[in-house]
Amino acid sequence: MQSGSIDIYNLALKSGSNLKGTDKTTIPRLLEVFESEVDVNNAVKLLIFYIYRQKERKELRGEGVNDLLRSIKAIYERFRNDPDNLRDTVRKYLILVKWVYEFRLKKDKPVRSFEELLREVQ
């Protein structure tokens, strides 16, 4: 998969590590909502609506919510005319966000980059 000029690893680290207070069942649901729509452009739109809904319901919390929206927008704008790469990149991004959220859940300090994450390895 090509991700062009979008670094989904760093985007996912930034988003996933800033979702403190988010209901843990909401994160995997993001991928379910995205996957529920056959047309990938509509899937992205549905996902954005869902994120706004969950934000207002306080199911998604923290600075990471806006990071999620900005990242999905950037991915959509980059790949909107390339449906296969759009679907693959959004899917991979959401999986990475879920993993980051899970392993950063009990950490106080967010991680902004892959290099920063590697510095934690001892």
PDB file of N, CA and C in Angstrom:
ATOM      1  N   MET A   1       0.835  -1.183   0.000  1.00  0.00           N
ATOM      2  CA  MET A   1       0.000   0.000   0.000  1.00  0.00           C
ATOM      3  C   MET A   1       0.874   1.237   0.000  1.00  0.00           C
ATOM      4  N   GLN A   2       0.473   2.216  -0.784  1.00  0.00           N
ATOM      5  CA  GLN A   2       1.156   3.488  -0.820  1.00  0.00           C
ATOM      6  C   GLN A   2       0.439   4.454   0.083  1.00  0.00           C
ATOM      7  N   SER A   3       1.180   5.211   0.857  1.00  0.00           N
ATOM      8  CA  SER A   3       0.529   6.237   1.655  1.00  0.00           C
ATOM      9  C   SER A   3       0.973   7.625   1.225  1.00  0.00           C
ATOM     10  N   GLY A   4       1.648   7.706   0.052  1.00  0.00           N
ATOM     11  CA  GLY A   4       2.023   9.001  -0.480  1.00  0.00           C
ATOM     12  C   GLY A   4       2.808   9.818   0.517  1.00  0.00           C
ATOM     13  N   SER A   5       2.434  11.065   0.657  1.00  0.00           N
ATOM     14  CA  SER A   5       3.154  11.952   1.561  1.00  0.00           C
ATOM     15  C   SER A   5       2.537  11.975   2.958  1.00  0.00           C
ATOM     16  N   ILE A   6       1.619  11.058   3.225  1.00  0.00           N
ATOM     17  CA  ILE A   6       0.956  11.029   4.528  1.00  0.00           C
ATOM     18  C   ILE A   6       1.626   9.979   5.409  1.00  0.00           C
ATOM     19  N   ASP A   7       2.101  10.421   6.564  1.00  0.00           N
ATOM     20  CA  ASP A   7       2.737   9.514   7.512  1.00  0.00           C
ATOM     21  C   ASP A   7       1.688   9.042   8.518  1.00  0.00           C
ATOM     22  N   ILE A   8       0.995   7.958   8.172  1.00  0.00           N
ATOM     23  CA  ILE A   8      -0.108   7.508   9.028  1.00  0.00           C
ATOM     24  C   ILE A   8       0.380   6.990  10.375  1.00  0.00           C
ATOM     25  N   TYR A   9       1.629   6.579  10.463  1.00  0.00           N
ATOM     26  CA  TYR A   9       2.157   6.101  11.743  1.00  0.00           C
ATOM     27  C   TYR A   9       2.208   7.244  12.759  1.00  0.00           C
ATOM     28  N   ASN A  10       2.783   8.372  12.356  1.00  0.00           N
ATOM     29  CA  ASN A  10       2.849   9.520  13.258  1.00  0.00           C
ATOM     30  C   ASN A  10       1.462  10.103  13.522  1.00  0.00           C
ATOM     31  N   LEU A  11       0.616  10.127  12.499  1.00  0.00           N
ATOM     32  CA  LEU A  11      -0.755  10.611  12.702  1.00  0.00           C
ATOM     33  C   LEU A  11      -1.494   9.738  13.718  1.00  0.00           C
ATOM     34  N   ALA A  12      -1.341   8.428  13.592  1.00  0.00           N
ATOM     35  CA  ALA A  12      -2.016   7.504  14.514  1.00  0.00           C
ATOM     36  C   ALA A  12      -1.466   7.634  15.927  1.00  0.00           C
ATOM     37  N   LEU A  13      -0.157   7.819  16.059  1.00  0.00           N
ATOM     38  CA  LEU A  13       0.433   8.017  17.388  1.00  0.00           C
ATOM     39  C   LEU A  13      -0.123   9.266  18.046  1.00  0.00           C
ATOM     40  N   LYS A  14      -0.183  10.328  17.301  1.00  0.00           N
ATOM     41  CA  LYS A  14      -0.681  11.589  17.847  1.00  0.00           C
ATOM     42  C   LYS A  14      -2.148  11.467  18.249  1.00  0.00           C
ATOM     43  N   SER A  15      -2.969  10.887  17.388  1.00  0.00           N
ATOM     44  CA  SER A  15      -4.403  10.747  17.678  1.00  0.00           C
ATOM     45  C   SER A  15      -4.653   9.761  18.806  1.00  0.00           C
ATOM     46  N   GLY A  16      -4.115   8.570  18.664  1.00  0.00           N
ATOM     47  CA  GLY A  16      -4.400   7.495  19.612  1.00  0.00           C
ATOM     48  C   GLY A  16      -3.917   7.754  21.021  1.00  0.00           C
ATOM     49  N   SER A  17      -2.821   8.488  21.157  1.00  0.00           N
ATOM     50  CA  SER A  17      -2.301   8.725  22.506  1.00  0.00           C
ATOM     51  C   SER A  17      -2.952   9.936  23.170  1.00  0.00           C
ATOM     52  N   ASN A  18      -3.834  10.614  22.455  1.00  0.00           N
ATOM     53  CA  ASN A  18      -4.514  11.789  23.005  1.00  0.00           C
ATOM     54  C   ASN A  18      -6.013  11.574  23.190  1.00  0.00           C
ATOM     55  N   LEU A  19      -6.438  10.352  23.326  1.00  0.00           N
ATOM     56  CA  LEU A  19      -7.869  10.065  23.475  1.00  0.00           C
ATOM     57  C   LEU A  19      -8.233   9.689  24.907  1.00  0.00           C
ATOM     58  N   LYS A  20      -7.555  10.295  25.872  1.00  0.00           N
ATOM     59  CA  LYS A  20      -7.827  10.022  27.289  1.00  0.00           C
ATOM     60  C   LYS A  20      -9.300  10.260  27.606  1.00  0.00           C
ATOM     61  N   GLY A  21      -9.875   9.362  28.385  1.00  0.00           N
ATOM     62  CA  GLY A  21     -11.268   9.494  28.786  1.00  0.00           C
ATOM     63  C   GLY A  21     -12.249   8.948  27.775  1.00  0.00           C
ATOM     64  N   THR A  22     -11.747   8.458  26.665  1.00  0.00           N
ATOM     65  CA  THR A  22     -12.619   7.897  25.631  1.00  0.00           C
ATOM     66  C   THR A  22     -13.089   6.516  26.048  1.00  0.00           C
ATOM     67  N   ASP A  23     -14.347   6.242  25.791  1.00  0.00           N
ATOM     68  CA  ASP A  23     -14.907   4.919  26.052  1.00  0.00           C
ATOM     69  C   ASP A  23     -14.160   3.901  25.189  1.00  0.00           C
ATOM     70  N   LYS A  24     -13.607   2.872  25.824  1.00  0.00           N
ATOM     71  CA  LYS A  24     -12.756   1.920  25.091  1.00  0.00           C
ATOM     72  C   LYS A  24     -13.501   1.156  24.004  1.00  0.00           C
ATOM     73  N   THR A  25     -14.819   1.069  24.075  1.00  0.00           N
ATOM     74  CA  THR A  25     -15.565   0.368  23.026  1.00  0.00           C
ATOM     75  C   THR A  25     -15.766   1.234  21.788  1.00  0.00           C
ATOM     76  N   THR A  26     -15.542   2.530  21.924  1.00  0.00           N
ATOM     77  CA  THR A  26     -15.744   3.451  20.800  1.00  0.00           C
ATOM     78  C   THR A  26     -14.641   3.330  19.763  1.00  0.00           C
ATOM     79  N   ILE A  27     -13.433   3.071  20.198  1.00  0.00           N
ATOM     80  CA  ILE A  27     -12.292   3.037  19.281  1.00  0.00           C
ATOM     81  C   ILE A  27     -12.441   1.923  18.231  1.00  0.00           C
ATOM     82  N   PRO A  28     -12.690   0.667  18.621  1.00  0.00           N
ATOM     83  CA  PRO A  28     -12.864  -0.356  17.585  1.00  0.00           C
ATOM     84  C   PRO A  28     -14.107  -0.115  16.724  1.00  0.00           C
ATOM     85  N   ARG A  29     -15.069   0.571  17.275  1.00  0.00           N
ATOM     86  CA  ARG A  29     -16.299   0.864  16.532  1.00  0.00           C
ATOM     87  C   ARG A  29     -16.025   1.786  15.340  1.00  0.00           C
ATOM     88  N   LEU A  30     -14.982   2.606  15.422  1.00  0.00           N
ATOM     89  CA  LEU A  30     -14.628   3.480  14.300  1.00  0.00           C
ATOM     90  C   LEU A  30     -14.387   2.658  13.037  1.00  0.00           C
ATOM     91  N   LEU A  31     -13.629   1.583  13.176  1.00  0.00           N
ATOM     92  CA  LEU A  31     -13.347   0.726  12.032  1.00  0.00           C
ATOM     93  C   LEU A  31     -14.608   0.022  11.553  1.00  0.00           C
ATOM     94  N   GLU A  32     -15.441  -0.422  12.477  1.00  0.00           N
ATOM     95  CA  GLU A  32     -16.702  -1.071  12.098  1.00  0.00           C
ATOM     96  C   GLU A  32     -17.586  -0.130  11.288  1.00  0.00           C
ATOM     97  N   VAL A  33     -17.695   1.100  11.715  1.00  0.00           N
ATOM     98  CA  VAL A  33     -18.510   2.086  10.992  1.00  0.00           C
ATOM     99  C   VAL A  33     -17.934   2.306   9.600  1.00  0.00           C
ATOM    100  N   PHE A  34     -16.638   2.487   9.514  1.00  0.00           N
ATOM    101  CA  PHE A  34     -15.986   2.691   8.214  1.00  0.00           C
ATOM    102  C   PHE A  34     -16.210   1.499   7.291  1.00  0.00           C
ATOM    103  N   GLU A  35     -16.052   0.306   7.811  1.00  0.00           N
ATOM    104  CA  GLU A  35     -16.177  -0.912   7.000  1.00  0.00           C
ATOM    105  C   GLU A  35     -17.626  -1.213   6.608  1.00  0.00           C
ATOM    106  N   SER A  36     -18.581  -0.563   7.260  1.00  0.00           N
ATOM    107  CA  SER A  36     -19.994  -0.878   7.003  1.00  0.00           C
ATOM    108  C   SER A  36     -20.500  -0.319   5.679  1.00  0.00           C
ATOM    109  N   GLU A  37     -19.777   0.577   5.085  1.00  0.00           N
ATOM    110  CA  GLU A  37     -20.201   1.219   3.838  1.00  0.00           C
ATOM    111  C   GLU A  37     -19.372   0.689   2.677  1.00  0.00           C
ATOM    112  N   VAL A  38     -20.024   0.279   1.599  1.00  0.00           N
ATOM    113  CA  VAL A  38     -19.321  -0.287   0.447  1.00  0.00           C
ATOM    114  C   VAL A  38     -18.530   0.779  -0.309  1.00  0.00           C
ATOM    115  N   ASP A  39     -19.159   1.900  -0.599  1.00  0.00           N
ATOM    116  CA  ASP A  39     -18.485   2.984  -1.318  1.00  0.00           C
ATOM    117  C   ASP A  39     -17.526   3.688  -0.357  1.00  0.00           C
ATOM    118  N   VAL A  40     -16.256   3.725  -0.695  1.00  0.00           N
ATOM    119  CA  VAL A  40     -15.235   4.239   0.225  1.00  0.00           C
ATOM    120  C   VAL A  40     -15.398   5.731   0.505  1.00  0.00           C
ATOM    121  N   ASN A  41     -15.800   6.519  -0.480  1.00  0.00           N
ATOM    122  CA  ASN A  41     -16.014   7.942  -0.230  1.00  0.00           C
ATOM    123  C   ASN A  41     -17.146   8.143   0.769  1.00  0.00           C
ATOM    124  N   ASN A  42     -18.199   7.368   0.632  1.00  0.00           N
ATOM    125  CA  ASN A  42     -19.297   7.438   1.600  1.00  0.00           C
ATOM    126  C   ASN A  42     -18.872   6.890   2.955  1.00  0.00           C
ATOM    127  N   ALA A  43     -17.988   5.911   2.942  1.00  0.00           N
ATOM    128  CA  ALA A  43     -17.488   5.342   4.204  1.00  0.00           C
ATOM    129  C   ALA A  43     -16.740   6.401   5.010  1.00  0.00           C
ATOM    130  N   VAL A  44     -15.941   7.205   4.336  1.00  0.00           N
ATOM    131  CA  VAL A  44     -15.209   8.276   5.019  1.00  0.00           C
ATOM    132  C   VAL A  44     -16.190   9.309   5.571  1.00  0.00           C
ATOM    133  N   LYS A  45     -17.177   9.674   4.780  1.00  0.00           N
ATOM    134  CA  LYS A  45     -18.180  10.645   5.235  1.00  0.00           C
ATOM    135  C   LYS A  45     -18.934  10.117   6.453  1.00  0.00           C
ATOM    136  N   LEU A  46     -19.340   8.854   6.383  1.00  0.00           N
ATOM    137  CA  LEU A  46     -20.044   8.226   7.503  1.00  0.00           C
ATOM    138  C   LEU A  46     -19.172   8.230   8.757  1.00  0.00           C
ATOM    139  N   LEU A  47     -17.903   7.907   8.601  1.00  0.00           N
ATOM    140  CA  LEU A  47     -16.960   7.894   9.713  1.00  0.00           C
ATOM    141  C   LEU A  47     -16.842   9.275  10.359  1.00  0.00           C
ATOM    142  N   ILE A  48     -16.748  10.305   9.543  1.00  0.00           N
ATOM    143  CA  ILE A  48     -16.638  11.665  10.074  1.00  0.00           C
ATOM    144  C   ILE A  48     -17.904  12.043  10.843  1.00  0.00           C
ATOM    145  N   PHE A  49     -19.067  11.721  10.295  1.00  0.00           N
ATOM    146  CA  PHE A  49     -20.316  11.971  11.021  1.00  0.00           C
ATOM    147  C   PHE A  49     -20.328  11.227  12.355  1.00  0.00           C
ATOM    148  N   TYR A  50     -19.888   9.976  12.339  1.00  0.00           N
ATOM    149  CA  TYR A  50     -19.870   9.170  13.559  1.00  0.00           C
ATOM    150  C   TYR A  50     -18.934   9.765  14.611  1.00  0.00           C
ATOM    151  N   ILE A  51     -17.776  10.232  14.180  1.00  0.00           N
ATOM    152  CA  ILE A  51     -16.825  10.833  15.119  1.00  0.00           C
ATOM    153  C   ILE A  51     -17.436  12.079  15.759  1.00  0.00           C
ATOM    154  N   TYR A  52     -18.060  12.932  14.946  1.00  0.00           N
ATOM    155  CA  TYR A  52     -18.726  14.121  15.512  1.00  0.00           C
ATOM    156  C   TYR A  52     -19.820  13.720  16.496  1.00  0.00           C
ATOM    157  N   ARG A  53     -20.590  12.710  16.142  1.00  0.00           N
ATOM    158  CA  ARG A  53     -21.663  12.243  17.031  1.00  0.00           C
ATOM    159  C   ARG A  53     -21.088  11.762  18.359  1.00  0.00           C
ATOM    160  N   GLN A  54     -20.061  10.933  18.303  1.00  0.00           N
ATOM    161  CA  GLN A  54     -19.459  10.383  19.511  1.00  0.00           C
ATOM    162  C   GLN A  54     -18.766  11.469  20.336  1.00  0.00           C
ATOM    163  N   LYS A  55     -18.240  12.473  19.675  1.00  0.00           N
ATOM    164  CA  LYS A  55     -17.624  13.600  20.384  1.00  0.00           C
ATOM    165  C   LYS A  55     -18.690  14.347  21.182  1.00  0.00           C
ATOM    166  N   GLU A  56     -19.815  14.618  20.556  1.00  0.00           N
ATOM    167  CA  GLU A  56     -20.895  15.335  21.244  1.00  0.00           C
ATOM    168  C   GLU A  56     -21.490  14.509  22.387  1.00  0.00           C
ATOM    169  N   ARG A  57     -21.503  13.202  22.235  1.00  0.00           N
ATOM    170  CA  ARG A  57     -22.011  12.314  23.286  1.00  0.00           C
ATOM    171  C   ARG A  57     -20.960  12.061  24.357  1.00  0.00           C
ATOM    172  N   LYS A  58     -19.762  12.615  24.173  1.00  0.00           N
ATOM    173  CA  LYS A  58     -18.628  12.455  25.097  1.00  0.00           C
ATOM    174  C   LYS A  58     -18.135  11.010  25.171  1.00  0.00           C
ATOM    175  N   GLU A  59     -18.383  10.268  24.090  1.00  0.00           N
ATOM    176  CA  GLU A  59     -17.836   8.918  23.978  1.00  0.00           C
ATOM    177  C   GLU A  59     -16.406   8.971  23.445  1.00  0.00           C
ATOM    178  N   LEU A  60     -16.104   9.986  22.663  1.00  0.00           N
ATOM    179  CA  LEU A  60     -14.748  10.280  22.204  1.00  0.00           C
ATOM    180  C   LEU A  60     -14.320  11.560  22.900  1.00  0.00           C
ATOM    181  N   ARG A  61     -13.151  11.517  23.551  1.00  0.00           N
ATOM    182  CA  ARG A  61     -12.691  12.670  24.330  1.00  0.00           C
ATOM    183  C   ARG A  61     -11.217  12.932  24.085  1.00  0.00           C
ATOM    184  N   GLY A  62     -10.833  14.113  24.494  1.00  0.00           N
ATOM    185  CA  GLY A  62      -9.422  14.473  24.427  1.00  0.00           C
ATOM    186  C   GLY A  62      -9.073  15.187  23.137  1.00  0.00           C
ATOM    187  N   GLU A  63      -7.848  15.680  23.118  1.00  0.00           N
ATOM    188  CA  GLU A  63      -7.340  16.378  21.930  1.00  0.00           C
ATOM    189  C   GLU A  63      -7.288  15.464  20.720  1.00  0.00           C
ATOM    190  N   GLY A  64      -7.227  14.183  20.961  1.00  0.00           N
ATOM    191  CA  GLY A  64      -7.128  13.221  19.876  1.00  0.00           C
ATOM    192  C   GLY A  64      -8.317  13.210  18.943  1.00  0.00           C
ATOM    193  N   VAL A  65      -9.464  13.680  19.406  1.00  0.00           N
ATOM    194  CA  VAL A  65     -10.660  13.701  18.546  1.00  0.00           C
ATOM    195  C   VAL A  65     -10.426  14.630  17.363  1.00  0.00           C
ATOM    196  N   ASN A  66      -9.922  15.817  17.634  1.00  0.00           N
ATOM    197  CA  ASN A  66      -9.633  16.738  16.534  1.00  0.00           C
ATOM    198  C   ASN A  66      -8.499  16.213  15.663  1.00  0.00           C
ATOM    199  N   ASP A  67      -7.534  15.537  16.282  1.00  0.00           N
ATOM    200  CA  ASP A  67      -6.467  14.906  15.504  1.00  0.00           C
ATOM    201  C   ASP A  67      -7.048  13.836  14.576  1.00  0.00           C
ATOM    202  N   LEU A  68      -7.987  13.053  15.077  1.00  0.00           N
ATOM    203  CA  LEU A  68      -8.666  12.045  14.251  1.00  0.00           C
ATOM    204  C   LEU A  68      -9.300  12.697  13.031  1.00  0.00           C
ATOM    205  N   LEU A  69     -10.070  13.734  13.273  1.00  0.00           N
ATOM    206  CA  LEU A  69     -10.769  14.410  12.183  1.00  0.00           C
ATOM    207  C   LEU A  69      -9.798  15.018  11.176  1.00  0.00           C
ATOM    208  N   ARG A  70      -8.759  15.676  11.664  1.00  0.00           N
ATOM    209  CA  ARG A  70      -7.766  16.275  10.759  1.00  0.00           C
ATOM    210  C   ARG A  70      -7.051  15.203   9.942  1.00  0.00           C
ATOM    211  N   SER A  71      -6.710  14.091  10.586  1.00  0.00           N
ATOM    212  CA  SER A  71      -5.992  13.021   9.894  1.00  0.00           C
ATOM    213  C   SER A  71      -6.858  12.370   8.827  1.00  0.00           C
ATOM    214  N   ILE A  72      -8.102  12.086   9.160  1.00  0.00           N
ATOM    215  CA  ILE A  72      -9.005  11.469   8.188  1.00  0.00           C
ATOM    216  C   ILE A  72      -9.244  12.427   7.021  1.00  0.00           C
ATOM    217  N   LYS A  73      -9.378  13.704   7.325  1.00  0.00           N
ATOM    218  CA  LYS A  73      -9.541  14.701   6.262  1.00  0.00           C
ATOM    219  C   LYS A  73      -8.307  14.698   5.343  1.00  0.00           C
ATOM    220  N   ALA A  74      -7.121  14.683   5.921  1.00  0.00           N
ATOM    221  CA  ALA A  74      -5.891  14.691   5.118  1.00  0.00           C
ATOM    222  C   ALA A  74      -5.792  13.440   4.244  1.00  0.00           C
ATOM    223  N   ILE A  75      -6.126  12.296   4.809  1.00  0.00           N
ATOM    224  CA  ILE A  75      -6.095  11.043   4.042  1.00  0.00           C
ATOM    225  C   ILE A  75      -7.121  11.103   2.913  1.00  0.00           C
ATOM    226  N   TYR A  76      -8.316  11.572   3.228  1.00  0.00           N
ATOM    227  CA  TYR A  76      -9.384  11.675   2.232  1.00  0.00           C
ATOM    228  C   TYR A  76      -8.975  12.611   1.095  1.00  0.00           C
ATOM    229  N   GLU A  77      -8.431  13.758   1.441  1.00  0.00           N
ATOM    230  CA  GLU A  77      -8.031  14.714   0.408  1.00  0.00           C
ATOM    231  C   GLU A  77      -6.908  14.167  -0.463  1.00  0.00           C
ATOM    232  N   ARG A  78      -6.021  13.399   0.137  1.00  0.00           N
ATOM    233  CA  ARG A  78      -4.887  12.833  -0.626  1.00  0.00           C
ATOM    234  C   ARG A  78      -5.333  11.723  -1.571  1.00  0.00           C
ATOM    235  N   PHE A  79      -6.287  10.884  -1.133  1.00  0.00           N
ATOM    236  CA  PHE A  79      -6.623   9.678  -1.897  1.00  0.00           C
ATOM    237  C   PHE A  79      -8.059   9.621  -2.419  1.00  0.00           C
ATOM    238  N   ARG A  80      -8.792  10.702  -2.379  1.00  0.00           N
ATOM    239  CA  ARG A  80     -10.209  10.646  -2.767  1.00  0.00           C
ATOM    240  C   ARG A  80     -10.418  10.127  -4.183  1.00  0.00           C
ATOM    241  N   ASN A  81      -9.449  10.302  -5.065  1.00  0.00           N
ATOM    242  CA  ASN A  81      -9.567   9.827  -6.441  1.00  0.00           C
ATOM    243  C   ASN A  81      -8.896   8.479  -6.654  1.00  0.00           C
ATOM    244  N   ASP A  82      -8.485   7.853  -5.578  1.00  0.00           N
ATOM    245  CA  ASP A  82      -7.832   6.540  -5.626  1.00  0.00           C
ATOM    246  C   ASP A  82      -8.492   5.653  -4.570  1.00  0.00           C
ATOM    247  N   PRO A  83      -9.672   5.099  -4.887  1.00  0.00           N
ATOM    248  CA  PRO A  83     -10.481   4.397  -3.877  1.00  0.00           C
ATOM    249  C   PRO A  83      -9.757   3.264  -3.147  1.00  0.00           C
ATOM    250  N   ASP A  84      -8.937   2.511  -3.854  1.00  0.00           N
ATOM    251  CA  ASP A  84      -8.247   1.396  -3.190  1.00  0.00           C
ATOM    252  C   ASP A  84      -7.265   1.908  -2.134  1.00  0.00           C
ATOM    253  N   ASN A  85      -6.472   2.910  -2.494  1.00  0.00           N
ATOM    254  CA  ASN A  85      -5.530   3.471  -1.521  1.00  0.00           C
ATOM    255  C   ASN A  85      -6.254   4.201  -0.407  1.00  0.00           C
ATOM    256  N   LEU A  86      -7.364   4.848  -0.730  1.00  0.00           N
ATOM    257  CA  LEU A  86      -8.138   5.525   0.302  1.00  0.00           C
ATOM    258  C   LEU A  86      -8.630   4.522   1.334  1.00  0.00           C
ATOM    259  N   ARG A  87      -9.248   3.446   0.870  1.00  0.00           N
ATOM    260  CA  ARG A  87      -9.767   2.438   1.794  1.00  0.00           C
ATOM    261  C   ARG A  87      -8.635   1.821   2.619  1.00  0.00           C
ATOM    262  N   ASP A  88      -7.554   1.435   1.967  1.00  0.00           N
ATOM    263  CA  ASP A  88      -6.437   0.797   2.669  1.00  0.00           C
ATOM    264  C   ASP A  88      -5.788   1.729   3.688  1.00  0.00           C
ATOM    265  N   THR A  89      -5.623   2.993   3.320  1.00  0.00           N
ATOM    266  CA  THR A  89      -4.953   3.936   4.208  1.00  0.00           C
ATOM    267  C   THR A  89      -5.820   4.277   5.418  1.00  0.00           C
ATOM    268  N   VAL A  90      -7.114   4.509   5.197  1.00  0.00           N
ATOM    269  CA  VAL A  90      -8.001   4.796   6.334  1.00  0.00           C
ATOM    270  C   VAL A  90      -8.079   3.575   7.242  1.00  0.00           C
ATOM    271  N   ARG A  91      -8.212   2.397   6.671  1.00  0.00           N
ATOM    272  CA  ARG A  91      -8.283   1.168   7.474  1.00  0.00           C
ATOM    273  C   ARG A  91      -7.024   1.003   8.319  1.00  0.00           C
ATOM    274  N   LYS A  92      -5.877   1.153   7.700  1.00  0.00           N
ATOM    275  CA  LYS A  92      -4.611   1.001   8.429  1.00  0.00           C
ATOM    276  C   LYS A  92      -4.490   2.066   9.516  1.00  0.00           C
ATOM    277  N   TYR A  93      -4.859   3.287   9.197  1.00  0.00           N
ATOM    278  CA  TYR A  93      -4.813   4.384  10.178  1.00  0.00           C
ATOM    279  C   TYR A  93      -5.692   4.056  11.384  1.00  0.00           C
ATOM    280  N   LEU A  94      -6.909   3.612  11.153  1.00  0.00           N
ATOM    281  CA  LEU A  94      -7.823   3.306  12.262  1.00  0.00           C
ATOM    282  C   LEU A  94      -7.329   2.141  13.113  1.00  0.00           C
ATOM    283  N   ILE A  95      -6.744   1.147  12.484  1.00  0.00           N
ATOM    284  CA  ILE A  95      -6.166   0.022  13.240  1.00  0.00           C
ATOM    285  C   ILE A  95      -5.016   0.519  14.109  1.00  0.00           C
ATOM    286  N   LEU A  96      -4.151   1.348  13.543  1.00  0.00           N
ATOM    287  CA  LEU A  96      -3.033   1.891  14.309  1.00  0.00           C
ATOM    288  C   LEU A  96      -3.516   2.765  15.459  1.00  0.00           C
ATOM    289  N   VAL A  97      -4.543   3.581  15.232  1.00  0.00           N
ATOM    290  CA  VAL A  97      -5.104   4.408  16.308  1.00  0.00           C
ATOM    291  C   VAL A  97      -5.584   3.517  17.443  1.00  0.00           C
ATOM    292  N   LYS A  98      -6.267   2.446  17.105  1.00  0.00           N
ATOM    293  CA  LYS A  98      -6.767   1.508  18.119  1.00  0.00           C
ATOM    294  C   LYS A  98      -5.612   0.920  18.922  1.00  0.00           C
ATOM    295  N   TRP A  99      -4.580   0.471  18.258  1.00  0.00           N
ATOM    296  CA  TRP A  99      -3.434  -0.115  18.952  1.00  0.00           C
ATOM    297  C   TRP A  99      -2.750   0.910  19.846  1.00  0.00           C
ATOM    298  N   VAL A 100      -2.536   2.119  19.319  1.00  0.00           N
ATOM    299  CA  VAL A 100      -1.898   3.169  20.124  1.00  0.00           C
ATOM    300  C   VAL A 100      -2.752   3.475  21.341  1.00  0.00           C
ATOM    301  N   TYR A 101      -4.044   3.634  21.136  1.00  0.00           N
ATOM    302  CA  TYR A 101      -4.948   3.911  22.249  1.00  0.00           C
ATOM    303  C   TYR A 101      -4.814   2.824  23.314  1.00  0.00           C
ATOM    304  N   GLU A 102      -4.777   1.575  22.901  1.00  0.00           N
ATOM    305  CA  GLU A 102      -4.699   0.461  23.854  1.00  0.00           C
ATOM    306  C   GLU A 102      -3.379   0.454  24.622  1.00  0.00           C
ATOM    307  N   PHE A 103      -2.263   0.667  23.949  1.00  0.00           N
ATOM    308  CA  PHE A 103      -1.003   0.578  24.686  1.00  0.00           C
ATOM    309  C   PHE A 103      -0.617   1.885  25.371  1.00  0.00           C
ATOM    310  N   ARG A 104      -1.283   2.981  25.049  1.00  0.00           N
ATOM    311  CA  ARG A 104      -1.015   4.253  25.730  1.00  0.00           C
ATOM    312  C   ARG A 104      -2.055   4.557  26.800  1.00  0.00           C
ATOM    313  N   LEU A 105      -3.030   3.711  26.975  1.00  0.00           N
ATOM    314  CA  LEU A 105      -4.152   3.960  27.871  1.00  0.00           C
ATOM    315  C   LEU A 105      -3.722   4.340  29.279  1.00  0.00           C
ATOM    316  N   LYS A 106      -2.713   3.688  29.795  1.00  0.00           N
ATOM    317  CA  LYS A 106      -2.291   3.934  31.174  1.00  0.00           C
ATOM    318  C   LYS A 106      -1.081   4.872  31.264  1.00  0.00           C
ATOM    319  N   LYS A 107      -0.690   5.444  30.152  1.00  0.00           N
ATOM    320  CA  LYS A 107       0.440   6.377  30.126  1.00  0.00           C
ATOM    321  C   LYS A 107      -0.079   7.807  30.239  1.00  0.00           C
ATOM    322  N   ASP A 108       0.672   8.637  30.930  1.00  0.00           N
ATOM    323  CA  ASP A 108       0.258  10.032  31.106  1.00  0.00           C
ATOM    324  C   ASP A 108       0.658  10.925  29.934  1.00  0.00           C
ATOM    325  N   LYS A 109       1.784  10.613  29.323  1.00  0.00           N
ATOM    326  CA  LYS A 109       2.334  11.493  28.304  1.00  0.00           C
ATOM    327  C   LYS A 109       2.007  10.974  26.900  1.00  0.00           C
ATOM    328  N   PRO A 110       1.379  11.819  26.063  1.00  0.00           N
ATOM    329  CA  PRO A 110       1.125  11.404  24.679  1.00  0.00           C
ATOM    330  C   PRO A 110       2.426  11.276  23.895  1.00  0.00           C
ATOM    331  N   VAL A 111       2.385  10.511  22.844  1.00  0.00           N
ATOM    332  CA  VAL A 111       3.528  10.344  21.951  1.00  0.00           C
ATOM    333  C   VAL A 111       3.170  11.015  20.625  1.00  0.00           C
ATOM    334  N   ARG A 112       4.081  11.802  20.104  1.00  0.00           N
ATOM    335  CA  ARG A 112       3.815  12.567  18.881  1.00  0.00           C
ATOM    336  C   ARG A 112       4.448  11.978  17.625  1.00  0.00           C
ATOM    337  N   SER A 113       5.430  11.087  17.796  1.00  0.00           N
ATOM    338  CA  SER A 113       6.104  10.547  16.613  1.00  0.00           C
ATOM    339  C   SER A 113       6.632   9.144  16.907  1.00  0.00           C
ATOM    340  N   PHE A 114       6.895   8.425  15.831  1.00  0.00           N
ATOM    341  CA  PHE A 114       7.446   7.085  15.955  1.00  0.00           C
ATOM    342  C   PHE A 114       8.822   7.135  16.623  1.00  0.00           C
ATOM    343  N   GLU A 115       9.603   8.149  16.283  1.00  0.00           N
ATOM    344  CA  GLU A 115      10.930   8.304  16.884  1.00  0.00           C
ATOM    345  C   GLU A 115      10.819   8.497  18.390  1.00  0.00           C
ATOM    346  N   GLU A 116       9.832   9.270  18.815  1.00  0.00           N
ATOM    347  CA  GLU A 116       9.611   9.482  20.244  1.00  0.00           C
ATOM    348  C   GLU A 116       9.221   8.170  20.933  1.00  0.00           C
ATOM    349  N   LEU A 117       8.406   7.382  20.262  1.00  0.00           N
ATOM    350  CA  LEU A 117       8.028   6.075  20.801  1.00  0.00           C
ATOM    351  C   LEU A 117       9.253   5.174  20.949  1.00  0.00           C
ATOM    352  N   LEU A 118      10.117   5.181  19.969  1.00  0.00           N
ATOM    353  CA  LEU A 118      11.325   4.357  20.032  1.00  0.00           C
ATOM    354  C   LEU A 118      12.248   4.780  21.179  1.00  0.00           C
ATOM    355  N   ARG A 119      12.248   6.062  21.507  1.00  0.00           N
ATOM    356  CA  ARG A 119      13.086   6.526  22.628  1.00  0.00           C
ATOM    357  C   ARG A 119      12.629   5.926  23.951  1.00  0.00           C
ATOM    358  N   GLU A 120      11.376   5.469  24.026  1.00  0.00           N
ATOM    359  CA  GLU A 120      10.885   4.844  25.249  1.00  0.00           C
ATOM    360  C   GLU A 120      11.394   3.419  25.427  1.00  0.00           C
ATOM    361  N   VAL A 121      11.901   2.832  24.330  1.00  0.00           N
ATOM    362  CA  VAL A 121      12.410   1.454  24.391  1.00  0.00           C
ATOM    363  C   VAL A 121      13.713   1.458  25.170  1.00  0.00           C
ATOM    364  N   GLN A 122      13.754   0.590  26.189  1.00  0.00           N
ATOM    365  CA  GLN A 122      14.954   0.541  27.028  1.00  0.00           C
ATOM    366  C   GLN A 122      15.613  -0.803  26.940  1.00  0.00           C
TER     367      GLN A 122
END
